[in-house]
Amino acid sequence: MSIERIDPNQTMSRAVVNNGVVYVCGLTADDQTASMKDQTANVLQKIDGYLAKAGTDKSKLLTAMVYVSDMSKKSEMNDAWHAWVDPANPPTRATVGTVLGSPETLVEIVVSASL
């Protein structure tokens, strides 16, 4: 079985498809000045794009890891998440408070989905 790499660069691939599963890398928002809710919505939109490139969608999500820089803003992240996630097919999910790549980065999300 072949491995498909989507949007690879020197450091990583944005997504990898193998054995019926797509793995999407940690994605952050384009606008680092936006609120937690808006950064999350932007990341989720980007996830939709990579899932589509792999031939699947959010209804087939298996798992999500959500990294937030400020757990006091978790409810804002959840507002965007709840508006986006397929309520009939929610994935497993963990949310972790951590230091991210820059002080302006409020959220980073990693997902995997079935094809």
N, C-alpha and C. Protein backbone atom coordinates (compact mmCIF):
# COMPACT_ATOMS: atom_id res chain seq x y z
N MET A 1 0.85 -1.18 0.00
CA MET A 1 0.00 0.00 0.00
C MET A 1 0.89 1.24 0.00
N SER A 2 0.56 2.20 -0.84
CA SER A 2 1.37 3.40 -0.94
C SER A 2 0.94 4.44 0.09
N ILE A 3 1.85 5.33 0.41
CA ILE A 3 1.59 6.44 1.32
C ILE A 3 1.49 7.70 0.48
N GLU A 4 0.42 8.46 0.67
CA GLU A 4 0.22 9.72 -0.05
C GLU A 4 0.53 10.87 0.91
N ARG A 5 1.41 11.77 0.47
CA ARG A 5 1.77 12.94 1.27
C ARG A 5 1.18 14.18 0.61
N ILE A 6 0.42 14.94 1.38
CA ILE A 6 -0.26 16.13 0.87
C ILE A 6 0.47 17.37 1.35
N ASP A 7 0.82 18.23 0.41
CA ASP A 7 1.53 19.49 0.67
C ASP A 7 2.77 19.29 1.54
N PRO A 8 3.70 18.44 1.08
CA PRO A 8 4.93 18.25 1.84
C PRO A 8 5.88 19.44 1.67
N ASN A 9 6.69 19.68 2.68
CA ASN A 9 7.78 20.65 2.59
C ASN A 9 9.01 20.04 3.26
N GLN A 10 10.03 20.79 3.47
CA GLN A 10 11.27 20.26 4.03
C GLN A 10 11.07 19.70 5.43
N THR A 11 10.14 20.26 6.18
CA THR A 11 9.93 19.88 7.57
C THR A 11 8.90 18.78 7.75
N MET A 12 7.81 18.84 6.98
CA MET A 12 6.69 17.92 7.21
C MET A 12 5.74 17.92 6.03
N SER A 13 4.78 17.02 6.09
CA SER A 13 3.63 17.04 5.18
C SER A 13 2.46 17.61 5.96
N ARG A 14 1.61 18.34 5.28
CA ARG A 14 0.42 18.88 5.96
C ARG A 14 -0.56 17.77 6.30
N ALA A 15 -0.58 16.74 5.47
CA ALA A 15 -1.42 15.57 5.73
C ALA A 15 -0.75 14.36 5.09
N VAL A 16 -1.00 13.20 5.67
CA VAL A 16 -0.50 11.94 5.14
C VAL A 16 -1.65 10.94 5.14
N VAL A 17 -1.81 10.24 4.02
CA VAL A 17 -2.85 9.22 3.90
C VAL A 17 -2.16 7.87 3.83
N ASN A 18 -2.60 6.95 4.70
CA ASN A 18 -2.04 5.60 4.71
C ASN A 18 -3.07 4.64 5.28
N ASN A 19 -3.24 3.53 4.59
CA ASN A 19 -4.08 2.45 5.09
C ASN A 19 -5.49 2.92 5.49
N GLY A 20 -6.08 3.79 4.68
CA GLY A 20 -7.46 4.22 4.91
C GLY A 20 -7.64 5.29 5.96
N VAL A 21 -6.53 5.89 6.42
CA VAL A 21 -6.61 6.95 7.43
C VAL A 21 -5.81 8.15 6.94
N VAL A 22 -6.36 9.36 7.16
CA VAL A 22 -5.63 10.59 6.88
C VAL A 22 -5.24 11.22 8.22
N TYR A 23 -3.98 11.60 8.29
CA TYR A 23 -3.41 12.24 9.48
C TYR A 23 -3.09 13.68 9.10
N VAL A 24 -3.74 14.64 9.76
CA VAL A 24 -3.52 16.05 9.46
C VAL A 24 -2.62 16.64 10.54
N CYS A 25 -1.58 17.35 10.10
CA CYS A 25 -0.60 17.92 11.02
C CYS A 25 -1.23 18.98 11.93
N GLY A 26 -0.47 19.42 12.90
CA GLY A 26 -0.92 20.51 13.75
C GLY A 26 -1.05 21.78 12.93
N LEU A 27 -2.23 22.35 12.94
CA LEU A 27 -2.50 23.56 12.16
C LEU A 27 -2.80 24.72 13.10
N THR A 28 -2.33 25.89 12.71
CA THR A 28 -2.59 27.11 13.46
C THR A 28 -3.27 28.12 12.55
N ALA A 29 -3.79 29.17 13.15
CA ALA A 29 -4.54 30.18 12.40
C ALA A 29 -3.62 31.06 11.57
N ASP A 30 -4.15 31.56 10.47
CA ASP A 30 -3.42 32.50 9.63
C ASP A 30 -3.30 33.87 10.30
N ASP A 31 -4.36 34.30 10.98
CA ASP A 31 -4.38 35.61 11.64
C ASP A 31 -4.11 35.42 13.13
N GLN A 32 -2.88 35.66 13.53
CA GLN A 32 -2.48 35.46 14.92
C GLN A 32 -2.98 36.56 15.84
N THR A 33 -3.61 37.61 15.29
CA THR A 33 -4.15 38.68 16.12
C THR A 33 -5.61 38.42 16.49
N ALA A 34 -6.21 37.39 15.91
CA ALA A 34 -7.62 37.08 16.13
C ALA A 34 -7.84 36.49 17.53
N SER A 35 -9.09 36.47 17.94
CA SER A 35 -9.48 35.89 19.22
C SER A 35 -9.32 34.37 19.20
N MET A 36 -9.40 33.76 20.35
CA MET A 36 -9.34 32.30 20.44
C MET A 36 -10.43 31.67 19.57
N LYS A 37 -11.65 32.19 19.65
CA LYS A 37 -12.74 31.63 18.86
C LYS A 37 -12.46 31.75 17.36
N ASP A 38 -11.99 32.92 16.94
CA ASP A 38 -11.74 33.13 15.51
C ASP A 38 -10.52 32.34 15.02
N GLN A 39 -9.48 32.24 15.84
CA GLN A 39 -8.34 31.40 15.45
C GLN A 39 -8.79 29.95 15.31
N THR A 40 -9.60 29.48 16.24
CA THR A 40 -10.08 28.10 16.18
C THR A 40 -10.91 27.89 14.92
N ALA A 41 -11.82 28.81 14.62
CA ALA A 41 -12.65 28.68 13.42
C ALA A 41 -11.78 28.63 12.17
N ASN A 42 -10.73 29.43 12.11
CA ASN A 42 -9.82 29.42 10.96
C ASN A 42 -9.10 28.08 10.84
N VAL A 43 -8.62 27.56 11.96
CA VAL A 43 -7.94 26.26 11.94
C VAL A 43 -8.90 25.17 11.47
N LEU A 44 -10.12 25.19 11.95
CA LEU A 44 -11.10 24.16 11.56
C LEU A 44 -11.42 24.25 10.07
N GLN A 45 -11.47 25.46 9.55
CA GLN A 45 -11.68 25.64 8.10
C GLN A 45 -10.50 25.04 7.33
N LYS A 46 -9.29 25.24 7.82
CA LYS A 46 -8.11 24.66 7.18
C LYS A 46 -8.15 23.13 7.24
N ILE A 47 -8.61 22.59 8.37
CA ILE A 47 -8.76 21.14 8.51
C ILE A 47 -9.73 20.62 7.45
N ASP A 48 -10.86 21.31 7.28
CA ASP A 48 -11.81 20.91 6.23
C ASP A 48 -11.12 20.81 4.88
N GLY A 49 -10.26 21.76 4.57
CA GLY A 49 -9.57 21.77 3.29
C GLY A 49 -8.63 20.57 3.12
N TYR A 50 -7.87 20.26 4.15
CA TYR A 50 -6.96 19.11 4.05
C TYR A 50 -7.72 17.79 4.02
N LEU A 51 -8.81 17.71 4.76
CA LEU A 51 -9.62 16.49 4.69
C LEU A 51 -10.18 16.31 3.28
N ALA A 52 -10.64 17.40 2.67
CA ALA A 52 -11.17 17.33 1.31
C ALA A 52 -10.08 16.90 0.32
N LYS A 53 -8.86 17.45 0.47
CA LYS A 53 -7.76 17.05 -0.41
C LYS A 53 -7.48 15.55 -0.30
N ALA A 54 -7.72 14.99 0.88
CA ALA A 54 -7.48 13.56 1.10
C ALA A 54 -8.68 12.71 0.69
N GLY A 55 -9.81 13.35 0.39
CA GLY A 55 -10.99 12.60 -0.05
C GLY A 55 -11.92 12.20 1.08
N THR A 56 -11.94 12.97 2.16
CA THR A 56 -12.83 12.67 3.27
C THR A 56 -13.39 13.97 3.85
N ASP A 57 -14.05 13.89 4.98
CA ASP A 57 -14.61 15.09 5.60
C ASP A 57 -14.73 14.88 7.11
N LYS A 58 -15.16 15.94 7.81
CA LYS A 58 -15.20 15.92 9.27
C LYS A 58 -16.16 14.88 9.85
N SER A 59 -17.08 14.37 9.06
CA SER A 59 -17.99 13.33 9.58
C SER A 59 -17.25 12.02 9.83
N LYS A 60 -16.02 11.93 9.30
CA LYS A 60 -15.23 10.71 9.47
C LYS A 60 -14.03 10.90 10.39
N LEU A 61 -14.06 11.99 11.17
CA LEU A 61 -12.98 12.21 12.13
C LEU A 61 -12.90 11.07 13.12
N LEU A 62 -11.69 10.68 13.44
CA LEU A 62 -11.46 9.64 14.44
C LEU A 62 -11.03 10.24 15.77
N THR A 63 -10.09 11.18 15.70
CA THR A 63 -9.55 11.76 16.93
C THR A 63 -9.05 13.17 16.66
N ALA A 64 -9.01 13.97 17.72
CA ALA A 64 -8.49 15.34 17.64
C ALA A 64 -7.69 15.64 18.91
N MET A 65 -6.58 16.30 18.71
CA MET A 65 -5.78 16.84 19.82
C MET A 65 -5.80 18.35 19.67
N VAL A 66 -6.30 19.03 20.69
CA VAL A 66 -6.41 20.48 20.66
C VAL A 66 -5.44 21.03 21.70
N TYR A 67 -4.53 21.87 21.25
CA TYR A 67 -3.56 22.50 22.13
C TYR A 67 -3.92 23.97 22.25
N VAL A 68 -4.10 24.46 23.47
CA VAL A 68 -4.44 25.86 23.69
C VAL A 68 -3.41 26.50 24.61
N SER A 69 -3.13 27.77 24.34
CA SER A 69 -2.11 28.47 25.12
C SER A 69 -2.66 29.03 26.42
N ASP A 70 -3.98 29.15 26.52
CA ASP A 70 -4.61 29.74 27.72
C ASP A 70 -5.90 28.99 28.01
N MET A 71 -5.86 28.11 29.00
CA MET A 71 -7.04 27.28 29.30
C MET A 71 -8.22 28.11 29.78
N SER A 72 -8.00 29.33 30.21
CA SER A 72 -9.14 30.18 30.61
C SER A 72 -9.98 30.57 29.40
N LYS A 73 -9.44 30.38 28.19
CA LYS A 73 -10.18 30.68 26.96
C LYS A 73 -10.71 29.43 26.28
N LYS A 74 -10.69 28.32 26.99
CA LYS A 74 -11.15 27.05 26.40
C LYS A 74 -12.61 27.13 25.95
N SER A 75 -13.45 27.85 26.66
CA SER A 75 -14.86 27.95 26.26
C SER A 75 -15.00 28.64 24.91
N GLU A 76 -14.13 29.61 24.61
CA GLU A 76 -14.16 30.26 23.29
C GLU A 76 -13.79 29.26 22.20
N MET A 77 -12.77 28.45 22.48
CA MET A 77 -12.38 27.41 21.52
C MET A 77 -13.54 26.44 21.32
N ASN A 78 -14.18 26.05 22.44
CA ASN A 78 -15.31 25.12 22.34
C ASN A 78 -16.48 25.71 21.55
N ASP A 79 -16.70 27.02 21.65
CA ASP A 79 -17.77 27.65 20.87
C ASP A 79 -17.55 27.41 19.38
N ALA A 80 -16.33 27.62 18.91
CA ALA A 80 -16.03 27.39 17.49
C ALA A 80 -16.10 25.91 17.17
N TRP A 81 -15.57 25.07 18.06
CA TRP A 81 -15.57 23.62 17.84
C TRP A 81 -16.99 23.11 17.71
N HIS A 82 -17.88 23.49 18.63
CA HIS A 82 -19.26 22.99 18.62
C HIS A 82 -20.02 23.45 17.38
N ALA A 83 -19.70 24.65 16.88
CA ALA A 83 -20.35 25.13 15.66
C ALA A 83 -19.87 24.36 14.43
N TRP A 84 -18.69 23.75 14.53
CA TRP A 84 -18.08 23.07 13.38
C TRP A 84 -18.25 21.56 13.38
N VAL A 85 -18.05 20.91 14.49
CA VAL A 85 -18.01 19.45 14.54
C VAL A 85 -19.35 18.84 14.14
N ASP A 86 -19.31 17.70 13.47
CA ASP A 86 -20.53 16.98 13.10
C ASP A 86 -21.11 16.37 14.37
N PRO A 87 -22.25 16.87 14.86
CA PRO A 87 -22.79 16.37 16.14
C PRO A 87 -23.16 14.89 16.11
N ALA A 88 -23.41 14.34 14.94
CA ALA A 88 -23.75 12.92 14.85
C ALA A 88 -22.50 12.03 14.84
N ASN A 89 -21.33 12.64 14.62
CA ASN A 89 -20.09 11.87 14.49
C ASN A 89 -18.91 12.55 15.18
N PRO A 90 -19.02 12.85 16.47
CA PRO A 90 -17.90 13.51 17.13
C PRO A 90 -16.72 12.55 17.31
N PRO A 91 -15.50 13.07 17.13
CA PRO A 91 -14.33 12.22 17.32
C PRO A 91 -13.96 12.14 18.81
N THR A 92 -13.00 11.30 19.15
CA THR A 92 -12.40 11.42 20.46
C THR A 92 -11.64 12.74 20.45
N ARG A 93 -11.46 13.33 21.62
CA ARG A 93 -10.75 14.61 21.66
C ARG A 93 -10.10 14.81 23.01
N ALA A 94 -8.91 15.38 22.98
CA ALA A 94 -8.25 15.84 24.19
C ALA A 94 -7.88 17.29 23.99
N THR A 95 -7.94 18.07 25.06
CA THR A 95 -7.52 19.47 25.02
C THR A 95 -6.43 19.64 26.06
N VAL A 96 -5.32 20.20 25.61
CA VAL A 96 -4.14 20.33 26.45
C VAL A 96 -3.72 21.79 26.50
N GLY A 97 -3.48 22.31 27.68
CA GLY A 97 -2.92 23.65 27.84
C GLY A 97 -1.41 23.57 27.74
N THR A 98 -0.81 24.41 26.89
CA THR A 98 0.64 24.34 26.67
C THR A 98 1.17 25.64 26.09
N VAL A 99 2.47 25.77 26.04
CA VAL A 99 3.11 26.88 25.34
C VAL A 99 3.19 26.48 23.87
N LEU A 100 2.71 27.36 22.99
CA LEU A 100 2.73 27.07 21.56
C LEU A 100 3.89 27.81 20.88
N GLY A 101 3.99 27.71 19.58
CA GLY A 101 5.14 28.20 18.83
C GLY A 101 5.43 29.68 18.94
N SER A 102 4.41 30.49 19.20
CA SER A 102 4.60 31.93 19.40
C SER A 102 3.57 32.40 20.41
N PRO A 103 3.83 33.52 21.08
CA PRO A 103 2.86 34.02 22.06
C PRO A 103 1.49 34.36 21.46
N GLU A 104 1.48 34.68 20.16
CA GLU A 104 0.23 35.05 19.49
C GLU A 104 -0.61 33.83 19.09
N THR A 105 0.02 32.67 19.03
CA THR A 105 -0.69 31.45 18.65
C THR A 105 -1.50 30.97 19.84
N LEU A 106 -2.82 30.96 19.69
CA LEU A 106 -3.70 30.60 20.79
C LEU A 106 -4.15 29.15 20.74
N VAL A 107 -4.16 28.56 19.53
CA VAL A 107 -4.67 27.19 19.38
C VAL A 107 -3.95 26.48 18.24
N GLU A 108 -3.73 25.19 18.41
CA GLU A 108 -3.19 24.33 17.37
C GLU A 108 -3.96 23.02 17.46
N ILE A 109 -4.39 22.50 16.32
CA ILE A 109 -5.23 21.29 16.31
C ILE A 109 -4.65 20.27 15.35
N VAL A 110 -4.60 19.02 15.81
CA VAL A 110 -4.16 17.86 15.04
C VAL A 110 -5.33 16.90 14.97
N VAL A 111 -5.64 16.37 13.77
CA VAL A 111 -6.74 15.40 13.64
C VAL A 111 -6.34 14.24 12.79
N SER A 112 -7.08 13.15 12.93
CA SER A 112 -7.01 12.03 12.00
C SER A 112 -8.44 11.63 11.65
N ALA A 113 -8.60 11.11 10.44
CA ALA A 113 -9.94 10.74 9.96
C ALA A 113 -9.84 9.52 9.06
N SER A 114 -10.92 8.79 8.98
CA SER A 114 -11.03 7.66 8.06
C SER A 114 -11.38 8.17 6.68
N LEU A 115 -11.00 7.42 5.66
CA LEU A 115 -11.37 7.81 4.29
C LEU A 115 -12.78 7.36 3.98
